[in-house]
Amino acid sequence: LCDGEGGGTMTQDHGPDGRNWNKSEVEYDLGVAGPGQSIVITITRSVGVKIMDHENYELYKADEDCRAFSGQLTSSPYRFKVPREARWHVIINPHTYSGTAEFCAEIPSYYFITQ
């Protein structure tokens, strides 16, 4: 797992940074973001991805019908323009046909210096 905050130890229920995970997917709670911001996903191999707001994430976790932006990412970095203000979640299925995938998802912070 590639993570900007450094590595750690994976347990049965949590990844190296404390995120929930299981054998089929890794979940990122990216917090609140809105228009003008992007979710950036970086991968080393093809992975399945779902991007959803918190309301749909709760439906997904309850195994109910939900709406998500989803698909197979094959190139990196992938930038998802956030369509509206909400708390955003990314779910990555790291299983690939070609080996182990490393990945990370984040909402980058940009700082502008003015004079």
Protein backbone atom coordinates (compact mmCIF):
# COMPACT_ATOMS: atom_id res chain seq x y z
CA LEU A 1 0.00 0.00 0.00
CA CYS A 2 1.39 3.34 -1.03
CA ASP A 3 0.51 6.12 1.37
CA GLY A 4 1.76 9.67 1.67
CA GLU A 5 1.75 9.36 5.45
CA GLY A 6 4.20 6.46 5.55
CA GLY A 7 3.89 2.77 6.11
CA GLY A 8 2.68 0.70 8.99
CA THR A 9 1.49 -2.75 9.91
CA MET A 10 -1.59 -4.32 8.37
CA THR A 11 -3.91 -6.26 10.64
CA GLN A 12 -6.90 -8.39 9.74
CA ASP A 13 -9.22 -5.37 9.94
CA HIS A 14 -6.99 -2.34 9.31
CA GLY A 15 -4.34 -1.25 6.83
CA PRO A 16 -1.00 0.36 7.74
CA ASP A 17 -2.60 3.76 8.27
CA GLY A 18 -5.62 2.56 10.23
CA ARG A 19 -8.05 2.45 7.30
CA ASN A 20 -10.59 -0.33 7.26
CA TRP A 21 -9.83 -3.05 4.75
CA ASN A 22 -10.61 -6.63 3.93
CA LYS A 23 -9.24 -9.14 1.47
CA SER A 24 -11.19 -7.67 -1.42
CA GLU A 25 -11.08 -3.89 -0.91
CA VAL A 26 -9.46 -0.93 0.83
CA GLU A 27 -11.54 2.05 1.94
CA TYR A 28 -10.42 5.68 2.07
CA ASP A 29 -12.47 8.31 3.92
CA LEU A 30 -11.13 11.47 2.31
CA GLY A 31 -13.23 13.94 4.24
CA VAL A 32 -15.15 16.90 2.85
CA ALA A 33 -14.34 18.32 -0.58
CA GLY A 34 -16.22 20.41 -3.09
CA PRO A 35 -16.14 21.95 -6.57
CA GLY A 36 -12.69 23.09 -7.60
CA GLN A 37 -11.08 20.12 -5.84
CA SER A 38 -10.08 16.73 -7.19
CA ILE A 39 -9.59 13.25 -5.81
CA VAL A 40 -6.29 11.89 -7.11
CA ILE A 41 -5.75 8.13 -7.27
CA THR A 42 -2.28 6.78 -8.00
CA ILE A 43 -1.79 3.11 -8.93
CA THR A 44 0.99 0.78 -10.02
CA ARG A 45 -1.33 -1.83 -11.57
CA SER A 46 -4.92 -2.04 -12.71
CA VAL A 47 -7.44 -1.81 -9.83
CA GLY A 48 -11.20 -1.56 -9.45
CA VAL A 49 -12.37 1.74 -7.95
CA LYS A 50 -15.60 3.16 -6.53
CA ILE A 51 -15.93 6.85 -5.60
CA MET A 52 -19.00 7.93 -3.62
CA ASP A 53 -20.34 10.47 -1.18
CA HIS A 54 -20.95 9.56 2.46
CA GLU A 55 -24.68 8.94 2.06
CA ASN A 56 -24.07 6.40 -0.72
CA TYR A 57 -21.13 4.92 1.18
CA GLU A 58 -23.45 4.14 4.11
CA LEU A 59 -25.89 2.44 1.70
CA TYR A 60 -22.99 0.49 0.16
CA LYS A 61 -21.78 -0.73 3.57
CA ALA A 62 -25.36 -1.81 4.39
CA ASP A 63 -25.35 -3.80 1.12
CA GLU A 64 -28.16 -1.64 -0.27
CA ASP A 65 -28.47 0.02 -3.67
CA CYS A 66 -26.19 3.03 -3.97
CA ARG A 67 -24.81 5.40 -6.57
CA ALA A 68 -21.08 5.53 -7.23
CA PHE A 69 -18.61 6.51 -9.90
CA SER A 70 -16.94 3.16 -10.57
CA GLY A 71 -14.70 1.37 -13.00
CA GLN A 72 -11.33 -0.22 -13.62
CA LEU A 73 -8.34 2.14 -13.45
CA THR A 74 -5.50 1.15 -15.73
CA SER A 75 -3.38 4.31 -15.76
CA SER A 76 -2.16 6.76 -13.18
CA PRO A 77 -2.61 9.34 -11.84
CA TYR A 78 -6.40 9.49 -12.20
CA ARG A 79 -8.07 12.79 -11.30
CA PHE A 80 -11.74 12.84 -10.36
CA LYS A 81 -13.22 16.34 -10.30
CA VAL A 82 -15.45 16.59 -7.24
CA PRO A 83 -18.92 17.57 -8.55
CA ARG A 84 -20.36 18.97 -5.29
CA GLU A 85 -19.50 19.50 -1.65
CA ALA A 86 -19.76 16.29 0.34
CA ARG A 87 -17.74 13.87 2.42
CA TRP A 88 -16.06 11.55 -0.13
CA HIS A 89 -15.03 7.89 0.04
CA VAL A 90 -12.89 5.83 -2.32
CA ILE A 91 -13.02 2.04 -2.32
CA ILE A 92 -10.24 0.21 -4.14
CA ASN A 93 -10.25 -3.46 -5.08
CA PRO A 94 -6.52 -4.17 -5.39
CA HIS A 95 -6.77 -7.66 -6.88
CA THR A 96 -5.18 -7.78 -10.31
CA TYR A 97 -4.30 -10.45 -12.78
CA SER A 98 -0.70 -9.27 -12.86
CA GLY A 99 0.37 -9.20 -9.22
CA THR A 100 0.14 -6.93 -6.23
CA ALA A 101 -1.03 -3.37 -6.74
CA GLU A 102 0.22 -0.36 -4.81
CA PHE A 103 -2.11 2.61 -4.65
CA CYS A 104 -3.13 5.74 -2.81
CA ALA A 105 -6.07 8.14 -2.90
CA GLU A 106 -6.00 11.71 -1.68
CA ILE A 107 -7.42 15.18 -2.08
CA PRO A 108 -4.30 17.27 -2.66
CA SER A 109 -3.95 20.61 -0.94
CA TYR A 110 -2.64 23.37 -3.12
CA TYR A 111 -1.05 26.49 -1.71
CA PHE A 112 -0.55 29.60 -3.80
CA ILE A 113 2.06 32.18 -2.94
CA THR A 114 1.18 35.72 -3.93
CA GLN A 115 3.34 38.81 -3.78
